Amino acid sequence: MKCLFFLLGVLQLLAAATAVYKQWIPNTNFETASNWDKGRVPCASDMVRFEKHKVISILVGSPHALTDMYLPLNGEFLLASGAGFAAFDGSWDPGCDSGATVRFADAEHHAWFDPTLWQAVSRNGELEPSGRIFSVDEERVPCRYDDVIFQSETSFRVNVDSSRRVIHLRSISVMGQELSSPEAWAGYLRGPSAPLQFHGNGTLQVTGTSCPDKSGCACGNAPDGRRICAALLGASEGQCPAPACLSPLQPLGHCCGVCGATVNLDFTPDFDLQKYRDRLVQALLSQMAISKVHKAQTFLGVIPRSSTPLIQIVLIDDGAGALTGTTAEQLAADIMEDIAQHGEALGISRGRMEVATGSTFSGQAGNHPLNRITVGTVLGLLFSLLLLGGMLFLYRKGKLRLPALRVPRPWDKLEELMSPEAATDKGFDNPMYDVEPPSTDAGEDMPQEMASKDHQVFYLNPLYDASETET
């Protein structure tokens, strides 16, 4: 497989980068059964009701006879050739024996940043065949250099709420018309349909430019990553499915952990993303996503500092149980071996591999930085450093006095042992300070060691030997 991998990779050196086309799936067509609360298109004996305050754009593709219809205050009906509405004349309509009130479903919740509402298509709008290439969740939504297609002969309404003020795109096709320049798109926005089709705080901006960097361009949807994951996991109450491996990987731009392998590449100006993608596809035995991403750099693993571009390869396979991710692991190892042998020629300066499989003996592998320090440990260390730095700053400014440090001496301990009051913290008056010898009677009536502070007493020096002076 490795020989085939290297040989077919050489044959792809002249491959050109292809544009990515993403097509919006929902529509607001009158004839789409899922757009109605009854799950069917209204028939002749039905009463059709549109919510009064709901803004809507609806394409009507054929003639319809209705008993009654309540229209919205703000909306439009786009009539195809021969389409229209007529009053029900009472004639028999098969399958429509009993009339009902049929309401148009709410289209306000269709969000631009919902990955499930987009699909990859070819330039002419045909679905791309399901292959081994997939996209991480952030890249399932149109990226800044992608072409967006709204199907011809369909109406739609999409919420473009975003964390960004402007959402950049290469081009937008609406009703069969491709708008690929800022001027053409600005003209469309001034028309009557655009405010009914797009709503929300974001603004779509057509640039007409492709990615200028042969090493690829980051998607640009990271600021709306949380919005994307919230929409993707909304049906499952925000919970990711349980992975089949113990320590799933978390690829950049993906909402849930995956089992398999990731390879992160540092690259040089000679790297060509499209050529390298083609090189990998030829020997691909598992599903792969490859793109340029920006990885956040932090100080002590906590404080955001900057970001650095890298090429991320995500590999998953169809294995189950203990075999989950093992094929992806082997392919990742092959990629790392190929990088070791041909990385310089491919414009790759370094590769780092991480693995998560269903095997209990599997773990992280490859040339990647150790990342085992917990957040709590880092925060504690950071707080200690800040506290110490603040104390030193105040001390140098003279606003903080540190207590004098007393170094214990060996004879201090000896004095403590010999002192009769060593076990207490109480102080005592110096019996030798400013006193006069007491009378003989006072000394006889009161023991020296129990003398009151109200009497003047003296003490014999226990270290003094009177016999020495007598001699």
Protein backbone atom coordinates (compact mmCIF):
# COMPACT_ATOMS: atom_id res chain seq x y z
CA MET A 1 0.00 0.00 0.00
CA LYS A 2 2.85 2.39 0.79
CA CYS A 3 4.38 1.98 -2.66
CA LEU A 4 1.02 2.71 -4.26
CA PHE A 5 0.62 5.63 -1.89
CA PHE A 6 3.87 7.25 -3.01
CA LEU A 7 3.55 6.40 -6.73
CA LEU A 8 0.03 7.71 -7.23
CA GLY A 9 0.88 10.79 -5.22
CA VAL A 10 3.45 11.79 -7.84
CA LEU A 11 0.80 11.57 -10.58
CA GLN A 12 -1.25 14.25 -8.83
CA LEU A 13 1.33 17.02 -8.86
CA LEU A 14 -0.52 19.04 -11.50
CA ALA A 15 -3.94 18.83 -9.79
CA ALA A 16 -5.69 22.18 -9.51
CA ALA A 17 -7.60 23.43 -6.54
CA THR A 18 -11.36 23.14 -6.98
CA ALA A 19 -13.98 25.44 -5.54
CA VAL A 20 -16.30 24.19 -2.83
CA TYR A 21 -20.04 24.53 -3.51
CA LYS A 22 -22.49 24.29 -0.64
CA GLN A 23 -26.23 24.17 -1.25
CA TRP A 24 -29.00 25.24 1.13
CA ILE A 25 -31.46 22.39 1.70
CA PRO A 26 -34.74 23.80 3.13
CA ASN A 27 -37.20 25.74 1.02
CA THR A 28 -40.47 27.59 1.52
CA ASN A 29 -42.22 26.32 -1.62
CA PHE A 30 -46.00 26.08 -1.48
CA GLU A 31 -45.90 22.54 -2.91
CA THR A 32 -43.47 21.14 -0.30
CA ALA A 33 -45.55 18.94 2.04
CA SER A 34 -43.17 19.38 5.01
CA ASN A 35 -43.85 23.13 4.98
CA TRP A 36 -47.40 22.54 6.29
CA ASP A 37 -48.48 21.53 9.77
CA LYS A 38 -50.68 18.73 8.40
CA GLY A 39 -47.74 17.25 6.48
CA ARG A 40 -49.55 17.68 3.15
CA VAL A 41 -50.20 20.38 0.55
CA PRO A 42 -53.54 22.18 1.07
CA CYS A 43 -56.42 20.95 -1.10
CA ALA A 44 -59.59 22.58 -2.42
CA SER A 45 -61.79 22.28 0.69
CA ASP A 46 -59.04 23.48 3.08
CA MET A 47 -58.64 26.90 4.62
CA VAL A 48 -55.02 28.09 4.37
CA ARG A 49 -53.63 30.28 7.12
CA PHE A 50 -50.33 32.17 7.20
CA GLU A 51 -49.37 33.74 10.53
CA LYS A 52 -50.09 37.44 10.35
CA HIS A 53 -46.74 38.70 11.64
CA LYS A 54 -44.49 36.08 9.98
CA VAL A 55 -42.42 37.44 7.12
CA ILE A 56 -42.26 34.94 4.29
CA SER A 57 -41.25 34.44 0.66
CA ILE A 58 -43.13 31.59 -1.09
CA LEU A 59 -42.79 30.14 -4.55
CA VAL A 60 -46.00 28.77 -6.04
CA GLY A 61 -45.27 26.29 -8.79
CA SER A 62 -48.77 25.23 -9.90
CA PRO A 63 -52.44 26.37 -9.77
CA HIS A 64 -54.42 25.75 -6.56
CA ALA A 65 -58.12 25.96 -5.70
CA LEU A 66 -58.79 26.84 -2.05
CA THR A 67 -61.80 27.53 0.11
CA ASP A 68 -60.16 30.43 1.93
CA MET A 69 -56.68 31.83 2.61
CA TYR A 70 -55.36 34.26 5.25
CA LEU A 71 -52.23 36.10 4.07
CA PRO A 72 -49.33 37.54 6.12
CA LEU A 73 -48.93 41.30 6.48
CA ASN A 74 -45.44 41.21 4.98
CA GLY A 75 -44.46 38.62 2.40
CA GLU A 76 -44.36 37.69 -1.25
CA PHE A 77 -45.71 34.95 -3.52
CA LEU A 78 -43.52 34.14 -6.49
CA LEU A 79 -45.71 32.58 -9.17
CA ALA A 80 -44.22 30.22 -11.71
CA SER A 81 -45.65 30.10 -15.21
CA GLY A 82 -49.31 28.98 -15.03
CA ALA A 83 -49.38 29.05 -11.20
CA GLY A 84 -52.01 30.87 -9.16
CA PHE A 85 -54.97 30.56 -6.79
CA ALA A 86 -58.67 30.16 -7.47
CA ALA A 87 -61.74 29.96 -5.26
CA PHE A 88 -63.10 26.47 -4.65
CA ASP A 89 -66.20 25.95 -6.81
CA GLY A 90 -67.59 23.06 -4.79
CA SER A 91 -66.71 20.35 -7.25
CA TRP A 92 -65.50 17.04 -5.94
CA ASP A 93 -61.76 16.81 -5.25
CA PRO A 94 -60.36 13.26 -4.75
CA GLY A 95 -58.58 12.89 -1.41
CA CYS A 96 -60.00 16.15 -0.06
CA ASP A 97 -63.40 15.15 1.32
CA SER A 98 -63.29 17.03 4.63
CA GLY A 99 -61.87 20.52 4.77
CA ALA A 100 -59.40 21.57 7.47
CA THR A 101 -57.36 24.58 8.54
CA VAL A 102 -53.84 24.08 7.23
CA ARG A 103 -51.10 26.35 8.60
CA PHE A 104 -47.77 27.15 7.00
CA ALA A 105 -44.89 25.97 9.19
CA ASP A 106 -42.53 28.44 10.84
CA ALA A 107 -39.43 29.01 8.72
CA GLU A 108 -37.80 31.47 11.13
CA HIS A 109 -35.76 28.74 12.85
CA HIS A 110 -33.81 27.75 9.72
CA ALA A 111 -30.35 29.00 10.70
CA TRP A 112 -27.38 29.64 8.43
CA PHE A 113 -25.01 28.06 10.96
CA ASP A 114 -26.87 24.75 11.17
CA PRO A 115 -24.58 22.18 9.48
CA THR A 116 -27.50 19.80 8.85
CA LEU A 117 -29.10 22.33 6.46
CA TRP A 118 -26.19 22.34 3.98
CA GLN A 119 -24.89 19.77 1.51
CA ALA A 120 -21.83 19.65 -0.73
CA VAL A 121 -22.68 19.81 -4.43
CA SER A 122 -20.94 20.17 -7.76
CA ARG A 123 -20.89 23.42 -9.70
CA ASN A 124 -24.18 22.60 -11.45
CA GLY A 125 -25.89 21.81 -8.14
CA GLU A 126 -25.71 18.01 -8.32
CA LEU A 127 -24.99 16.19 -5.08
CA GLU A 128 -21.40 15.11 -4.61
CA PRO A 129 -21.08 11.32 -4.31
CA SER A 130 -20.51 10.19 -0.74
CA GLY A 131 -16.86 9.27 -0.60
CA ARG A 132 -14.05 9.13 1.88
CA ILE A 133 -13.63 12.88 2.24
CA PHE A 134 -15.68 14.61 4.93
CA SER A 135 -15.57 17.99 6.66
CA VAL A 136 -15.32 18.91 10.30
CA ASP A 137 -18.50 20.53 11.57
CA GLU A 138 -17.40 24.15 11.21
CA GLU A 139 -16.53 23.52 7.56
CA ARG A 140 -19.91 21.95 6.74
CA VAL A 141 -21.27 25.50 6.85
CA PRO A 142 -20.11 27.76 3.96
CA CYS A 143 -16.60 29.10 4.50
CA ARG A 144 -15.35 32.49 3.42
CA TYR A 145 -14.07 31.29 0.01
CA ASP A 146 -16.99 28.93 -0.75
CA ASP A 147 -19.73 29.27 -3.35
CA VAL A 148 -23.28 29.16 -1.96
CA ILE A 149 -26.20 27.83 -3.99
CA PHE A 150 -29.89 28.31 -3.27
CA GLN A 151 -31.70 25.93 -5.59
CA SER A 152 -33.28 27.44 -8.66
CA GLU A 153 -37.08 27.63 -8.69
CA THR A 154 -37.26 27.56 -4.91
CA SER A 155 -38.04 30.16 -2.28
CA PHE A 156 -36.37 30.23 1.12
CA ARG A 157 -35.90 32.14 4.36
CA VAL A 158 -32.70 31.86 6.41
CA ASN A 159 -31.61 33.33 9.73
CA VAL A 160 -28.08 34.75 9.41
CA ASP A 161 -27.53 35.58 13.10
CA SER A 162 -23.78 35.54 13.66
CA SER A 163 -21.04 36.48 16.09
CA ARG A 164 -19.54 38.44 13.20
CA ARG A 165 -20.93 41.55 11.60
CA VAL A 166 -20.05 40.37 8.08
CA ILE A 167 -20.06 36.81 6.67
CA HIS A 168 -17.78 36.65 3.61
CA LEU A 169 -18.44 34.32 0.67
CA ARG A 170 -17.02 33.88 -2.81
CA SER A 171 -20.39 33.87 -4.59
CA ILE A 172 -24.12 33.29 -4.06
CA SER A 173 -26.53 31.77 -6.57
CA VAL A 174 -30.22 32.70 -6.12
CA MET A 175 -33.08 31.59 -8.40
CA GLY A 176 -30.57 30.30 -10.95
CA GLN A 177 -28.59 33.56 -11.04
CA GLU A 178 -24.96 33.53 -9.86
CA LEU A 179 -23.86 36.70 -8.08
CA SER A 180 -20.06 36.68 -7.93
CA SER A 181 -19.09 40.32 -7.50
CA PRO A 182 -19.68 42.80 -4.68
CA GLU A 183 -21.56 45.08 -7.07
CA ALA A 184 -23.93 42.37 -8.28
CA TRP A 185 -24.68 41.25 -4.74
CA ALA A 186 -25.26 44.83 -3.54
CA GLY A 187 -27.76 45.27 -6.36
CA TYR A 188 -29.63 42.14 -5.31
CA LEU A 189 -29.79 43.29 -1.69
CA ARG A 190 -31.57 46.45 -2.83
CA GLY A 191 -34.32 44.36 -4.42
CA PRO A 192 -37.64 43.43 -2.77
CA SER A 193 -36.89 39.72 -2.16
CA ALA A 194 -33.62 39.90 -0.19
CA PRO A 195 -35.14 41.28 3.06
CA LEU A 196 -37.74 38.48 2.97
CA GLN A 197 -35.16 35.76 2.31
CA PHE A 198 -32.40 36.81 4.76
CA HIS A 199 -32.98 38.00 8.32
CA GLY A 200 -30.84 38.29 11.45
CA ASN A 201 -27.98 40.46 12.69
CA GLY A 202 -25.36 39.14 10.24
CA THR A 203 -24.69 40.52 6.76
CA LEU A 204 -23.68 38.35 3.82
CA GLN A 205 -20.90 39.82 1.68
CA VAL A 206 -19.84 38.47 -1.71
CA THR A 207 -16.15 39.01 -2.52
CA GLY A 208 -15.72 37.13 -5.81
CA THR A 209 -12.23 36.03 -4.75
CA SER A 210 -10.79 32.56 -4.24
CA CYS A 211 -8.32 31.50 -1.58
CA PRO A 212 -5.02 33.18 -2.52
CA ASP A 213 -2.76 30.79 -0.57
CA LYS A 214 -1.77 27.44 -2.08
CA SER A 215 -1.32 26.09 1.46
CA GLY A 216 -5.04 26.62 1.92
CA CYS A 217 -7.14 29.12 3.83
CA ALA A 218 -8.83 28.65 7.17
CA CYS A 219 -12.60 28.35 6.94
CA GLY A 220 -13.27 31.39 9.12
CA ASN A 221 -16.25 29.98 11.01
CA ALA A 222 -14.43 29.61 14.34
CA PRO A 223 -16.12 32.71 15.87
CA ASP A 224 -19.47 30.97 15.34
CA GLY A 225 -18.24 27.55 16.49
CA ARG A 226 -20.51 27.47 19.54
CA ARG A 227 -23.49 28.49 17.45
CA ILE A 228 -22.74 25.69 14.98
CA CYS A 229 -22.44 23.05 17.71
CA ALA A 230 -25.58 24.26 19.45
CA ALA A 231 -27.55 23.88 16.21
CA LEU A 232 -25.99 20.50 15.43
CA LEU A 233 -26.60 19.03 18.88
CA GLY A 234 -29.94 20.70 19.51
CA ALA A 235 -31.93 17.56 18.71
CA SER A 236 -29.87 15.53 21.21
CA GLU A 237 -30.15 18.10 24.03
CA GLY A 238 -26.58 19.24 23.49
CA GLN A 239 -25.06 15.84 24.20
CA CYS A 240 -22.52 14.20 21.92
CA PRO A 241 -22.98 10.49 21.23
CA ALA A 242 -20.93 8.19 23.43
CA PRO A 243 -17.64 7.38 21.67
CA ALA A 244 -16.38 3.82 21.25
CA CYS A 245 -12.92 4.71 22.58
CA LEU A 246 -11.81 5.68 26.07
CA SER A 247 -10.09 8.99 25.25
CA PRO A 248 -11.64 10.42 22.06
CA LEU A 249 -9.78 13.06 20.08
CA GLN A 250 -11.15 16.58 19.72
CA PRO A 251 -10.24 17.92 16.26
CA LEU A 252 -10.25 21.69 15.82
CA GLY A 253 -13.56 22.79 14.31
CA HIS A 254 -15.41 19.60 15.28
CA CYS A 255 -18.18 19.55 17.89
CA CYS A 256 -17.74 16.04 19.32
CA GLY A 257 -14.83 13.76 20.06
CA VAL A 258 -13.89 11.12 17.49
CA CYS A 259 -12.14 7.77 17.55
CA GLY A 260 -9.33 7.36 15.06
CA ALA A 261 -6.27 9.52 14.53
CA THR A 262 -5.26 13.08 13.82
CA VAL A 263 -2.06 14.32 12.20
CA ASN A 264 -1.11 17.98 12.57
CA LEU A 265 1.43 19.34 10.12
CA ASP A 266 3.68 22.37 10.37
CA PHE A 267 4.38 23.52 6.83
CA THR A 268 6.71 25.71 4.76
CA PRO A 269 5.88 28.11 1.88
CA ASP A 270 6.34 25.19 -0.54
CA PHE A 271 3.35 23.26 0.83
CA ASP A 272 0.35 22.81 -1.51
CA LEU A 273 -2.82 21.70 0.26
CA GLN A 274 -4.68 20.45 -2.82
CA LYS A 275 -1.74 18.41 -4.08
CA TYR A 276 -1.21 16.86 -0.68
CA ARG A 277 -4.93 16.07 -0.33
CA ASP A 278 -4.85 14.28 -3.68
CA ARG A 279 -1.75 12.41 -2.54
CA LEU A 280 -3.55 11.09 0.50
CA VAL A 281 -6.82 10.21 -1.23
CA GLN A 282 -5.20 7.66 -3.52
CA ALA A 283 -4.40 5.22 -0.72
CA LEU A 284 -7.17 6.18 1.66
CA LEU A 285 -8.66 3.27 3.56
CA SER A 286 -10.68 5.38 5.99
CA GLN A 287 -12.65 8.63 6.02
CA MET A 288 -10.55 11.77 6.05
CA ALA A 289 -10.93 15.49 6.60
CA ILE A 290 -8.01 17.78 5.78
CA SER A 291 -7.89 21.55 6.00
CA LYS A 292 -5.92 24.49 7.30
CA VAL A 293 -6.91 25.54 10.81
CA HIS A 294 -5.66 28.05 13.34
CA LYS A 295 -4.67 26.59 16.69
CA ALA A 296 -4.81 28.94 19.67
CA GLN A 297 -1.54 29.47 21.52
CA THR A 298 -1.75 30.10 25.27
CA PHE A 299 0.50 31.13 28.13
CA LEU A 300 0.72 28.34 30.74
CA GLY A 301 -2.11 26.59 28.91
CA VAL A 302 -4.68 29.15 30.12
CA ILE A 303 -4.12 32.74 28.91
CA PRO A 304 -4.82 33.20 25.15
CA ARG A 305 -1.75 34.56 23.41
CA SER A 306 -2.04 34.13 19.62
CA SER A 307 -2.84 31.51 17.02
CA THR A 308 -0.71 29.60 14.57
CA PRO A 309 -1.81 28.01 11.26
CA LEU A 310 -1.40 24.29 10.74
CA ILE A 311 -2.76 21.56 8.50
CA GLN A 312 -5.12 19.21 10.32
CA ILE A 313 -5.84 15.71 9.04
CA VAL A 314 -8.65 13.79 10.77
CA LEU A 315 -8.92 10.05 10.06
CA ILE A 316 -11.80 7.79 11.10
CA ASP A 317 -12.79 4.29 9.98
CA ASP A 318 -15.68 1.83 10.10
CA GLY A 319 -14.20 -0.41 12.79
CA ALA A 320 -16.31 -1.50 15.75
CA GLY A 321 -15.47 -2.45 19.33
CA ALA A 322 -11.76 -2.95 19.94
CA LEU A 323 -11.10 -2.41 16.21
CA THR A 324 -12.48 1.14 16.24
CA GLY A 325 -9.88 3.51 14.85
CA THR A 326 -7.19 0.87 14.24
CA THR A 327 -7.25 1.31 10.46
CA ALA A 328 -7.06 5.07 10.89
CA GLU A 329 -4.17 4.59 13.30
CA GLN A 330 -2.25 2.55 10.74
CA LEU A 331 -2.86 5.12 8.03
CA ALA A 332 -1.73 7.91 10.34
CA ALA A 333 1.46 5.96 10.99
CA ASP A 334 1.95 5.63 7.21
CA ILE A 335 1.46 9.37 6.82
CA MET A 336 4.05 10.05 9.52
CA GLU A 337 6.51 7.69 7.83
CA ASP A 338 5.90 9.41 4.50
CA ILE A 339 6.53 12.78 6.14
CA ALA A 340 9.79 11.50 7.62
CA GLN A 341 10.97 10.48 4.14
CA HIS A 342 9.43 13.11 1.86
CA GLY A 343 8.27 15.92 4.16
CA GLU A 344 10.88 18.44 3.03
CA ALA A 345 9.98 17.99 -0.64
CA LEU A 346 6.27 18.32 0.18
CA GLY A 347 6.75 21.50 2.18
CA ILE A 348 6.11 19.85 5.55
CA SER A 349 8.47 20.75 8.38
CA ARG A 350 6.98 18.62 11.15
CA GLY A 351 4.10 16.24 11.84
CA ARG A 352 2.43 15.31 15.12
CA MET A 353 0.11 12.34 15.51
CA GLU A 354 -2.59 11.56 18.08
CA VAL A 355 -4.54 8.32 18.26
CA ALA A 356 -7.74 7.13 19.97
CA THR A 357 -8.96 3.60 19.29
CA GLY A 358 -11.32 1.10 20.88
CA SER A 359 -8.41 -0.87 22.30
CA THR A 360 -7.84 -0.44 26.04
CA PHE A 361 -4.10 -0.40 25.36
CA SER A 362 -4.31 2.46 22.89
CA GLY A 363 -3.45 6.02 23.77
CA GLN A 364 -1.89 9.19 22.51
CA ALA A 365 1.08 8.69 20.23
CA GLY A 366 3.43 10.62 18.02
CA ASN A 367 5.43 13.80 18.22
CA HIS A 368 3.14 16.11 20.11
CA PRO A 369 3.66 18.32 23.19
CA LEU A 370 2.79 16.93 26.58
CA ASN A 371 -0.48 18.35 27.81
CA ARG A 372 -1.21 16.70 31.12
CA ILE A 373 -1.23 19.73 33.41
CA THR A 374 -4.71 20.28 34.76
CA VAL A 375 -6.33 23.68 34.62
CA GLY A 376 -6.50 23.84 38.41
CA THR A 377 -2.77 23.29 38.75
CA VAL A 378 -1.99 25.95 36.19
CA LEU A 379 -4.32 28.46 37.81
CA GLY A 380 -2.82 27.78 41.23
CA LEU A 381 0.70 28.29 39.91
CA LEU A 382 -0.31 31.45 38.11
CA PHE A 383 -1.99 32.88 41.22
CA SER A 384 1.08 32.13 43.33
CA LEU A 385 3.36 33.88 40.84
CA LEU A 386 1.09 36.94 40.72
CA LEU A 387 0.93 37.09 44.54
CA LEU A 388 4.68 36.82 44.90
CA GLY A 389 5.25 39.45 42.22
CA GLY A 390 2.81 41.84 43.92
CA MET A 391 4.51 41.42 47.29
CA LEU A 392 7.95 42.10 45.82
CA PHE A 393 6.62 45.19 44.02
CA LEU A 394 5.12 46.64 47.25
CA TYR A 395 8.29 45.82 49.18
CA ARG A 396 10.49 47.68 46.69
CA LYS A 397 8.13 50.66 46.84
CA GLY A 398 8.43 50.70 50.63
CA LYS A 399 4.73 50.00 51.14
CA LEU A 400 5.25 46.56 52.59
CA ARG A 401 7.51 45.55 55.50
CA LEU A 402 8.42 41.93 55.74
CA PRO A 403 8.99 40.47 59.25
CA ALA A 404 12.62 39.93 60.21
CA LEU A 405 13.66 36.34 59.94
CA ARG A 406 15.46 34.93 63.02
CA VAL A 407 17.88 32.11 62.37
CA PRO A 408 17.86 29.70 65.35
CA ARG A 409 21.22 29.09 67.08
CA PRO A 410 22.25 25.78 68.70
CA TRP A 411 22.57 27.30 72.18
CA ASP A 412 19.05 28.77 72.03
CA LYS A 413 17.63 25.28 72.37
CA LEU A 414 19.91 24.62 75.37
CA GLU A 415 18.69 27.77 77.10
CA GLU A 416 15.08 26.73 76.55
CA LEU A 417 15.71 23.35 78.17
CA MET A 418 17.46 24.88 81.20
CA SER A 419 14.87 27.61 81.77
CA PRO A 420 12.24 26.68 84.44
CA GLU A 421 9.61 28.63 82.49
CA ALA A 422 10.39 27.09 79.08
CA ALA A 423 7.01 25.38 78.82
CA THR A 424 5.05 28.63 79.08
CA ASP A 425 4.71 31.73 76.96
CA LYS A 426 4.40 34.07 79.99
CA GLY A 427 6.98 36.76 80.59
CA PHE A 428 8.59 37.63 83.96
CA ASP A 429 10.13 40.63 85.71
CA ASN A 430 13.90 40.79 85.82
CA PRO A 431 14.64 40.12 89.48
CA MET A 432 18.06 41.76 89.20
CA TYR A 433 16.80 45.09 87.84
CA ASP A 434 16.74 48.06 90.24
CA VAL A 435 16.15 46.11 93.46
CA GLU A 436 17.57 46.22 96.94
CA PRO A 437 18.33 43.14 99.04
CA PRO A 438 15.35 42.31 101.24
CA SER A 439 15.54 42.05 104.98
CA THR A 440 16.23 38.77 106.70
CA ASP A 441 12.68 38.57 108.04
CA ALA A 442 11.07 38.96 104.64
CA GLY A 443 13.23 36.25 103.24
CA GLU A 444 12.31 33.87 106.07
CA ASP A 445 8.54 34.50 105.81
CA MET A 446 8.33 33.97 102.03
CA PRO A 447 10.08 31.46 99.81
CA GLN A 448 12.15 33.00 97.12
CA GLU A 449 10.47 31.15 94.23
CA MET A 450 6.95 32.19 95.43
CA ALA A 451 7.70 35.83 96.20
CA SER A 452 5.06 38.32 95.18
CA LYS A 453 5.75 41.11 92.74
CA ASP A 454 4.75 43.56 95.47
CA HIS A 455 7.92 42.74 97.48
CA GLN A 456 11.47 43.38 96.54
CA VAL A 457 13.32 40.08 96.41
CA PHE A 458 16.55 38.71 95.15
CA TYR A 459 17.48 35.30 93.71
CA LEU A 460 20.58 33.25 94.06
CA ASN A 461 22.44 32.63 90.82
CA PRO A 462 22.13 28.86 90.29
CA LEU A 463 25.33 28.88 88.25
CA TYR A 464 27.33 30.57 90.98
CA ASP A 465 29.40 28.27 93.27
CA ALA A 466 30.09 30.03 96.54
CA SER A 467 32.80 27.54 97.55
CA GLU A 468 34.98 28.82 94.76
CA THR A 469 35.00 32.38 96.13
CA GLU A 470 35.67 31.22 99.67
CA THR A 471 38.83 29.50 98.63
